[in-house]
Amino acid sequence: MFALYGWLLFIVAGIFLTLLILHVESEKKLSYKFTIIAVIIASFCIGYGVHFLLLEVGY
């Protein structure tokens, strides 16, 4: 069950990082608030995703 949560969090992190890359490349004025929120959510999801995957294998 933890593996499912881990992979879902990795997918969510990938979505937020993709949105951030598309936002930066769109040549619009860069929103610092959106950038900070996207980076925080992506790092949170990656951290907990790794945590859940490690719980699944027994570490």
N, C-alpha and C. Protein backbone atom coordinates (compact mmCIF):
# COMPACT_ATOMS: atom_id res chain seq x y z
N MET A 1 0.82 -1.20 0.00
CA MET A 1 0.00 0.00 0.00
C MET A 1 0.86 1.26 0.00
N PHE A 2 1.99 1.20 0.73
CA PHE A 2 2.87 2.36 0.77
C PHE A 2 3.49 2.64 -0.60
N ALA A 3 3.72 1.58 -1.37
CA ALA A 3 4.30 1.76 -2.70
C ALA A 3 3.35 2.56 -3.59
N LEU A 4 2.06 2.31 -3.47
CA LEU A 4 1.08 3.06 -4.26
C LEU A 4 1.13 4.54 -3.90
N TYR A 5 1.16 4.84 -2.60
CA TYR A 5 1.25 6.24 -2.17
C TYR A 5 2.55 6.89 -2.66
N GLY A 6 3.63 6.13 -2.58
CA GLY A 6 4.92 6.66 -3.04
C GLY A 6 4.90 7.02 -4.51
N TRP A 7 4.39 6.12 -5.34
CA TRP A 7 4.35 6.40 -6.77
C TRP A 7 3.37 7.52 -7.10
N LEU A 8 2.25 7.59 -6.40
CA LEU A 8 1.31 8.69 -6.63
C LEU A 8 1.93 10.04 -6.29
N LEU A 9 2.70 10.08 -5.20
CA LEU A 9 3.37 11.33 -4.84
C LEU A 9 4.44 11.71 -5.86
N PHE A 10 5.14 10.71 -6.42
CA PHE A 10 6.11 11.01 -7.47
C PHE A 10 5.41 11.57 -8.71
N ILE A 11 4.25 11.04 -9.05
CA ILE A 11 3.49 11.54 -10.19
C ILE A 11 3.04 12.98 -9.96
N VAL A 12 2.54 13.26 -8.77
CA VAL A 12 2.12 14.63 -8.43
C VAL A 12 3.31 15.58 -8.50
N ALA A 13 4.47 15.16 -7.99
CA ALA A 13 5.66 15.99 -8.06
C ALA A 13 6.06 16.25 -9.51
N GLY A 14 5.97 15.23 -10.35
CA GLY A 14 6.28 15.40 -11.77
C GLY A 14 5.35 16.37 -12.45
N ILE A 15 4.08 16.33 -12.08
CA ILE A 15 3.10 17.26 -12.65
C ILE A 15 3.45 18.69 -12.26
N PHE A 16 3.75 18.91 -10.98
CA PHE A 16 4.08 20.26 -10.54
C PHE A 16 5.38 20.76 -11.17
N LEU A 17 6.37 19.89 -11.32
CA LEU A 17 7.61 20.32 -11.96
C LEU A 17 7.40 20.61 -13.44
N THR A 18 6.55 19.82 -14.10
CA THR A 18 6.23 20.09 -15.50
C THR A 18 5.51 21.42 -15.65
N LEU A 19 4.55 21.69 -14.76
CA LEU A 19 3.87 22.98 -14.80
C LEU A 19 4.84 24.14 -14.58
N LEU A 20 5.78 23.95 -13.68
CA LEU A 20 6.77 24.99 -13.42
C LEU A 20 7.65 25.24 -14.65
N ILE A 21 8.08 24.18 -15.31
CA ILE A 21 8.91 24.32 -16.51
C ILE A 21 8.12 25.00 -17.63
N LEU A 22 6.86 24.60 -17.81
CA LEU A 22 6.04 25.24 -18.85
C LEU A 22 5.78 26.71 -18.54
N HIS A 23 5.62 27.02 -17.26
CA HIS A 23 5.39 28.41 -16.85
C HIS A 23 6.63 29.27 -17.12
N VAL A 24 7.79 28.72 -16.87
CA VAL A 24 9.04 29.47 -17.08
C VAL A 24 9.28 29.67 -18.58
N GLU A 25 8.98 28.66 -19.39
CA GLU A 25 9.24 28.75 -20.82
C GLU A 25 8.18 29.53 -21.59
N SER A 26 7.09 29.93 -20.95
CA SER A 26 6.01 30.59 -21.68
C SER A 26 6.27 32.06 -21.94
N GLU A 27 7.39 32.58 -21.50
CA GLU A 27 7.82 33.97 -21.71
C GLU A 27 6.87 34.99 -21.09
N LYS A 28 6.07 34.56 -20.15
CA LYS A 28 5.26 35.52 -19.40
C LYS A 28 6.08 35.99 -18.20
N LYS A 29 5.57 37.01 -17.54
CA LYS A 29 6.27 37.48 -16.35
C LYS A 29 6.25 36.37 -15.30
N LEU A 30 7.41 36.06 -14.77
CA LEU A 30 7.55 34.97 -13.83
C LEU A 30 6.92 35.33 -12.49
N SER A 31 6.03 34.51 -12.05
CA SER A 31 5.37 34.70 -10.76
C SER A 31 6.19 33.99 -9.69
N TYR A 32 6.77 34.77 -8.78
CA TYR A 32 7.59 34.17 -7.73
C TYR A 32 6.74 33.35 -6.77
N LYS A 33 5.50 33.79 -6.53
CA LYS A 33 4.62 33.05 -5.63
C LYS A 33 4.33 31.66 -6.19
N PHE A 34 3.99 31.56 -7.48
CA PHE A 34 3.73 30.27 -8.11
C PHE A 34 4.98 29.40 -8.09
N THR A 35 6.14 30.00 -8.36
CA THR A 35 7.39 29.25 -8.38
C THR A 35 7.69 28.65 -7.01
N ILE A 36 7.54 29.45 -5.96
CA ILE A 36 7.83 28.97 -4.62
C ILE A 36 6.86 27.88 -4.21
N ILE A 37 5.58 28.07 -4.49
CA ILE A 37 4.58 27.06 -4.13
C ILE A 37 4.83 25.76 -4.89
N ALA A 38 5.14 25.85 -6.18
CA ALA A 38 5.37 24.65 -6.98
C ALA A 38 6.60 23.89 -6.49
N VAL A 39 7.67 24.60 -6.16
CA VAL A 39 8.89 23.94 -5.68
C VAL A 39 8.65 23.29 -4.32
N ILE A 40 7.93 23.96 -3.44
CA ILE A 40 7.65 23.40 -2.11
C ILE A 40 6.79 22.15 -2.22
N ILE A 41 5.73 22.21 -3.03
CA ILE A 41 4.86 21.03 -3.17
C ILE A 41 5.61 19.88 -3.83
N ALA A 42 6.40 20.17 -4.85
CA ALA A 42 7.15 19.10 -5.52
C ALA A 42 8.17 18.47 -4.59
N SER A 43 8.88 19.27 -3.81
CA SER A 43 9.88 18.70 -2.90
C SER A 43 9.21 17.90 -1.78
N PHE A 44 8.06 18.37 -1.29
CA PHE A 44 7.30 17.64 -0.29
C PHE A 44 6.88 16.27 -0.85
N CYS A 45 6.36 16.27 -2.07
CA CYS A 45 5.90 15.02 -2.68
C CYS A 45 7.05 14.06 -2.95
N ILE A 46 8.18 14.57 -3.40
CA ILE A 46 9.33 13.71 -3.65
C ILE A 46 9.85 13.13 -2.34
N GLY A 47 9.94 13.95 -1.30
CA GLY A 47 10.42 13.48 -0.01
C GLY A 47 9.53 12.39 0.58
N TYR A 48 8.23 12.62 0.60
CA TYR A 48 7.33 11.62 1.14
C TYR A 48 7.20 10.41 0.22
N GLY A 49 7.35 10.61 -1.09
CA GLY A 49 7.34 9.48 -2.00
C GLY A 49 8.50 8.54 -1.74
N VAL A 50 9.69 9.10 -1.55
CA VAL A 50 10.86 8.28 -1.21
C VAL A 50 10.63 7.60 0.14
N HIS A 51 10.09 8.33 1.09
CA HIS A 51 9.81 7.78 2.42
C HIS A 51 8.88 6.57 2.34
N PHE A 52 7.79 6.69 1.60
CA PHE A 52 6.84 5.60 1.48
C PHE A 52 7.44 4.40 0.74
N LEU A 53 8.24 4.66 -0.29
CA LEU A 53 8.87 3.55 -1.00
C LEU A 53 9.88 2.83 -0.12
N LEU A 54 10.61 3.57 0.71
CA LEU A 54 11.53 2.92 1.62
C LEU A 54 10.79 2.14 2.70
N LEU A 55 9.66 2.63 3.16
CA LEU A 55 8.85 1.87 4.11
C LEU A 55 8.38 0.56 3.49
N GLU A 56 8.08 0.58 2.22
CA GLU A 56 7.59 -0.63 1.54
C GLU A 56 8.65 -1.72 1.48
N VAL A 57 9.91 -1.32 1.30
CA VAL A 57 10.98 -2.33 1.22
C VAL A 57 11.55 -2.67 2.58
N GLY A 58 11.15 -1.99 3.62
CA GLY A 58 11.56 -2.38 4.96
C GLY A 58 12.61 -1.52 5.62
N TYR A 59 12.95 -0.37 5.07
CA TYR A 59 13.96 0.50 5.71
C TYR A 59 13.31 1.46 6.64
